[in-house]
Amino acid sequence: MRKPLLLLAALVGIWPLVGCAGGTINTYTDPSIPVTVEAGQEFNIAVELACSDPTTWEQHYDETLLELKETVCATCVSGESACSIAPGYCPLVGPSVVSLARFQALQPGETEVTISYQLVGGGAPLKDQIFTVTIEPAS
């Protein structure tokens, strides 16, 4: 369990280097804890997988409330390997693959972000994560 935590910490640390604007961006990893942000704020959702093959994923959410800005994946297998990739595809494999999705809250409201993972080539989803996101008016 130590490697995944170190990997997640490393990804959160490098996130500003892969395209986010300045300021603090919170990262949410537990779908049982509601995400609360303000309109205009960016935030990350991180999910850990154990993958023996490359995966694809889809994010489902209300596009009038959230905009997907970027995705990043990394794995412990190749040391401190991290790559900025096209949304929805993680070519890395190993016992601990972490993917992060960065969103921007567009306007007040509530939505669920469902992230579904499956192996490249189809099949049943490997894992679904559902995060509840509440967007408050900007202060």
C-alpha atoms as a PDB file:
ATOM      1  CA  MET A   1       0.000   0.000   0.000  1.00  0.00           C
ATOM      2  CA  ARG A   2       2.977   2.323   0.497  1.00  0.00           C
ATOM      3  CA  LYS A   3       3.823   2.569  -3.230  1.00  0.00           C
ATOM      4  CA  PRO A   4       0.319   3.710  -4.281  1.00  0.00           C
ATOM      5  CA  LEU A   5       0.319   6.429  -1.621  1.00  0.00           C
ATOM      6  CA  LEU A   6       3.759   7.616  -2.696  1.00  0.00           C
ATOM      7  CA  LEU A   7       2.652   7.563  -6.323  1.00  0.00           C
ATOM      8  CA  LEU A   8      -0.475   9.585  -5.558  1.00  0.00           C
ATOM      9  CA  ALA A   9       1.605  12.095  -3.603  1.00  0.00           C
ATOM     10  CA  ALA A  10       4.051  12.353  -6.521  1.00  0.00           C
ATOM     11  CA  LEU A  11       1.238  12.935  -9.020  1.00  0.00           C
ATOM     12  CA  VAL A  12      -0.332  15.633  -6.883  1.00  0.00           C
ATOM     13  CA  GLY A  13       3.113  17.230  -6.598  1.00  0.00           C
ATOM     14  CA  ILE A  14       3.754  17.250 -10.360  1.00  0.00           C
ATOM     15  CA  TRP A  15       0.224  18.277 -11.347  1.00  0.00           C
ATOM     16  CA  PRO A  16       1.167  21.991 -11.681  1.00  0.00           C
ATOM     17  CA  LEU A  17       3.894  20.964 -14.151  1.00  0.00           C
ATOM     18  CA  VAL A  18       1.425  19.318 -16.539  1.00  0.00           C
ATOM     19  CA  GLY A  19      -0.808  22.219 -17.352  1.00  0.00           C
ATOM     20  CA  CYS A  20      -2.842  23.532 -14.435  1.00  0.00           C
ATOM     21  CA  ALA A  21      -3.044  27.177 -13.569  1.00  0.00           C
ATOM     22  CA  GLY A  22      -1.515  28.570 -10.393  1.00  0.00           C
ATOM     23  CA  GLY A  23      -3.152  28.204  -6.998  1.00  0.00           C
ATOM     24  CA  THR A  24      -4.122  25.259  -4.877  1.00  0.00           C
ATOM     25  CA  ILE A  25      -6.055  22.476  -6.557  1.00  0.00           C
ATOM     26  CA  ASN A  26      -7.587  19.908  -4.215  1.00  0.00           C
ATOM     27  CA  THR A  27      -7.425  16.229  -5.114  1.00  0.00           C
ATOM     28  CA  TYR A  28     -10.288  13.900  -4.147  1.00  0.00           C
ATOM     29  CA  THR A  29      -9.653  10.160  -3.924  1.00  0.00           C
ATOM     30  CA  ASP A  30     -12.571   8.845  -1.840  1.00  0.00           C
ATOM     31  CA  PRO A  31     -15.962   8.713  -3.579  1.00  0.00           C
ATOM     32  CA  SER A  32     -17.720   8.420  -0.194  1.00  0.00           C
ATOM     33  CA  ILE A  33     -16.660  11.983   0.664  1.00  0.00           C
ATOM     34  CA  PRO A  34     -18.649  14.646  -1.247  1.00  0.00           C
ATOM     35  CA  VAL A  35     -16.667  17.140  -3.317  1.00  0.00           C
ATOM     36  CA  THR A  36     -17.588  20.778  -2.640  1.00  0.00           C
ATOM     37  CA  VAL A  37     -16.060  23.509  -4.797  1.00  0.00           C
ATOM     38  CA  GLU A  38     -16.888  27.035  -5.925  1.00  0.00           C
ATOM     39  CA  ALA A  39     -17.821  28.032  -9.467  1.00  0.00           C
ATOM     40  CA  GLY A  40     -14.622  28.718 -11.414  1.00  0.00           C
ATOM     41  CA  GLN A  41     -12.514  26.476  -9.169  1.00  0.00           C
ATOM     42  CA  GLU A  42     -10.495  23.524 -10.516  1.00  0.00           C
ATOM     43  CA  PHE A  43     -10.175  20.188  -8.724  1.00  0.00           C
ATOM     44  CA  ASN A  44      -8.752  16.715  -9.337  1.00  0.00           C
ATOM     45  CA  ILE A  45     -10.329  13.292  -8.995  1.00  0.00           C
ATOM     46  CA  ALA A  46      -7.809  10.451  -8.604  1.00  0.00           C
ATOM     47  CA  VAL A  47      -8.557   6.731  -8.931  1.00  0.00           C
ATOM     48  CA  GLU A  48      -6.152   3.850  -8.377  1.00  0.00           C
ATOM     49  CA  LEU A  49      -6.315   0.659 -10.442  1.00  0.00           C
ATOM     50  CA  ALA A  50      -4.396  -2.583 -10.712  1.00  0.00           C
ATOM     51  CA  CYS A  51      -4.045  -3.155 -14.450  1.00  0.00           C
ATOM     52  CA  SER A  52      -2.565  -6.077 -16.307  1.00  0.00           C
ATOM     53  CA  ASP A  53      -3.433  -4.489 -19.658  1.00  0.00           C
ATOM     54  CA  PRO A  54      -3.891  -0.927 -20.949  1.00  0.00           C
ATOM     55  CA  THR A  55      -7.191   0.608 -19.933  1.00  0.00           C
ATOM     56  CA  THR A  56      -9.659   3.107 -21.288  1.00  0.00           C
ATOM     57  CA  TRP A  57     -11.985   5.166 -19.182  1.00  0.00           C
ATOM     58  CA  GLU A  58     -14.963   7.408 -19.574  1.00  0.00           C
ATOM     59  CA  GLN A  59     -16.061  10.248 -17.356  1.00  0.00           C
ATOM     60  CA  HIS A  60     -19.798  10.902 -17.173  1.00  0.00           C
ATOM     61  CA  TYR A  61     -20.992  14.198 -15.684  1.00  0.00           C
ATOM     62  CA  ASP A  62     -23.173  17.217 -16.413  1.00  0.00           C
ATOM     63  CA  GLU A  63     -21.186  19.182 -18.999  1.00  0.00           C
ATOM     64  CA  THR A  64     -23.121  22.349 -18.204  1.00  0.00           C
ATOM     65  CA  LEU A  65     -21.617  22.238 -14.688  1.00  0.00           C
ATOM     66  CA  LEU A  66     -18.119  20.785 -15.231  1.00  0.00           C
ATOM     67  CA  GLU A  67     -15.420  20.911 -17.878  1.00  0.00           C
ATOM     68  CA  LEU A  68     -12.772  18.172 -18.129  1.00  0.00           C
ATOM     69  CA  LYS A  69      -9.456  20.010 -18.462  1.00  0.00           C
ATOM     70  CA  GLU A  70      -6.819  17.266 -18.496  1.00  0.00           C
ATOM     71  CA  THR A  71      -5.983  13.674 -17.529  1.00  0.00           C
ATOM     72  CA  VAL A  72      -2.706  12.187 -16.337  1.00  0.00           C
ATOM     73  CA  CYS A  73      -1.705   8.636 -15.440  1.00  0.00           C
ATOM     74  CA  ALA A  74       1.326   7.095 -13.773  1.00  0.00           C
ATOM     75  CA  THR A  75       2.500   3.772 -12.418  1.00  0.00           C
ATOM     76  CA  CYS A  76       4.899   2.541  -9.717  1.00  0.00           C
ATOM     77  CA  VAL A  77       6.188  -0.241 -11.952  1.00  0.00           C
ATOM     78  CA  SER A  78       8.414   2.050 -13.990  1.00  0.00           C
ATOM     79  CA  GLY A  79       9.630   4.033 -10.999  1.00  0.00           C
ATOM     80  CA  GLU A  80       8.660   7.664 -11.184  1.00  0.00           C
ATOM     81  CA  SER A  81       7.141   7.497 -14.640  1.00  0.00           C
ATOM     82  CA  ALA A  82       4.359   9.989 -15.320  1.00  0.00           C
ATOM     83  CA  CYS A  83       2.918  11.041 -18.626  1.00  0.00           C
ATOM     84  CA  SER A  84       0.416  13.561 -19.896  1.00  0.00           C
ATOM     85  CA  ILE A  85      -1.866  11.665 -22.260  1.00  0.00           C
ATOM     86  CA  ALA A  86      -5.007  12.035 -24.314  1.00  0.00           C
ATOM     87  CA  PRO A  87      -8.183  11.850 -22.191  1.00  0.00           C
ATOM     88  CA  GLY A  88      -9.563   8.359 -21.793  1.00  0.00           C
ATOM     89  CA  TYR A  89      -6.509   6.173 -22.420  1.00  0.00           C
ATOM     90  CA  CYS A  90      -3.825   4.943 -20.033  1.00  0.00           C
ATOM     91  CA  PRO A  91      -1.156   2.827 -21.750  1.00  0.00           C
ATOM     92  CA  LEU A  92       0.602   2.026 -18.481  1.00  0.00           C
ATOM     93  CA  VAL A  93       0.172  -1.324 -16.741  1.00  0.00           C
ATOM     94  CA  GLY A  94       1.135  -2.642 -13.324  1.00  0.00           C
ATOM     95  CA  PRO A  95      -0.050  -3.401  -9.837  1.00  0.00           C
ATOM     96  CA  SER A  96      -0.696   0.248  -9.089  1.00  0.00           C
ATOM     97  CA  VAL A  97      -1.798   2.642 -11.804  1.00  0.00           C
ATOM     98  CA  VAL A  98      -3.197   6.006 -10.701  1.00  0.00           C
ATOM     99  CA  SER A  99      -5.120   8.281 -13.005  1.00  0.00           C
ATOM    100  CA  LEU A 100      -6.131  11.838 -12.266  1.00  0.00           C
ATOM    101  CA  ALA A 101      -8.771  13.899 -14.021  1.00  0.00           C
ATOM    102  CA  ARG A 102      -8.734  17.682 -13.596  1.00  0.00           C
ATOM    103  CA  PHE A 103     -12.103  19.437 -13.812  1.00  0.00           C
ATOM    104  CA  GLN A 104     -13.222  23.054 -13.697  1.00  0.00           C
ATOM    105  CA  ALA A 105     -16.521  23.940 -12.020  1.00  0.00           C
ATOM    106  CA  LEU A 106     -18.504  26.128 -14.413  1.00  0.00           C
ATOM    107  CA  GLN A 107     -21.596  27.204 -12.460  1.00  0.00           C
ATOM    108  CA  PRO A 108     -23.468  26.411  -9.218  1.00  0.00           C
ATOM    109  CA  GLY A 109     -25.302  23.077  -9.055  1.00  0.00           C
ATOM    110  CA  GLU A 110     -24.813  19.400  -8.224  1.00  0.00           C
ATOM    111  CA  THR A 111     -23.665  16.531 -10.413  1.00  0.00           C
ATOM    112  CA  GLU A 112     -22.158  13.090 -10.147  1.00  0.00           C
ATOM    113  CA  VAL A 113     -18.867  12.255 -11.826  1.00  0.00           C
ATOM    114  CA  THR A 114     -18.847   8.578 -12.780  1.00  0.00           C
ATOM    115  CA  ILE A 115     -15.516   7.223 -13.927  1.00  0.00           C
ATOM    116  CA  SER A 116     -15.768   3.828 -15.642  1.00  0.00           C
ATOM    117  CA  TYR A 117     -12.648   1.834 -16.462  1.00  0.00           C
ATOM    118  CA  GLN A 118     -12.358  -1.141 -18.790  1.00  0.00           C
ATOM    119  CA  LEU A 119      -9.659  -2.975 -20.692  1.00  0.00           C
ATOM    120  CA  VAL A 120      -8.774  -1.768 -24.178  1.00  0.00           C
ATOM    121  CA  GLY A 121     -10.922  -3.784 -26.576  1.00  0.00           C
ATOM    122  CA  GLY A 122     -14.045  -3.742 -24.424  1.00  0.00           C
ATOM    123  CA  GLY A 123     -15.619  -6.000 -21.881  1.00  0.00           C
ATOM    124  CA  ALA A 124     -17.303  -5.331 -18.588  1.00  0.00           C
ATOM    125  CA  PRO A 125     -16.098  -2.305 -16.613  1.00  0.00           C
ATOM    126  CA  LEU A 126     -13.211  -3.092 -14.267  1.00  0.00           C
ATOM    127  CA  LYS A 127     -14.217  -0.458 -11.786  1.00  0.00           C
ATOM    128  CA  ASP A 128     -16.756   2.329 -11.486  1.00  0.00           C
ATOM    129  CA  GLN A 129     -16.192   5.255  -9.144  1.00  0.00           C
ATOM    130  CA  ILE A 130     -18.978   7.768  -8.495  1.00  0.00           C
ATOM    131  CA  PHE A 131     -18.119  11.128  -6.921  1.00  0.00           C
ATOM    132  CA  THR A 132     -20.830  13.602  -5.877  1.00  0.00           C
ATOM    133  CA  VAL A 133     -19.826  17.182  -6.728  1.00  0.00           C
ATOM    134  CA  THR A 134     -21.573  20.249  -5.303  1.00  0.00           C
ATOM    135  CA  ILE A 135     -20.679  23.579  -6.887  1.00  0.00           C
ATOM    136  CA  GLU A 136     -21.369  26.668  -4.813  1.00  0.00           C
ATOM    137  CA  PRO A 137     -21.479  30.260  -6.083  1.00  0.00           C
ATOM    138  CA  ALA A 138     -18.073  31.943  -6.181  1.00  0.00           C
ATOM    139  CA  SER A 139     -17.433  34.052  -3.088  1.00  0.00           C
END
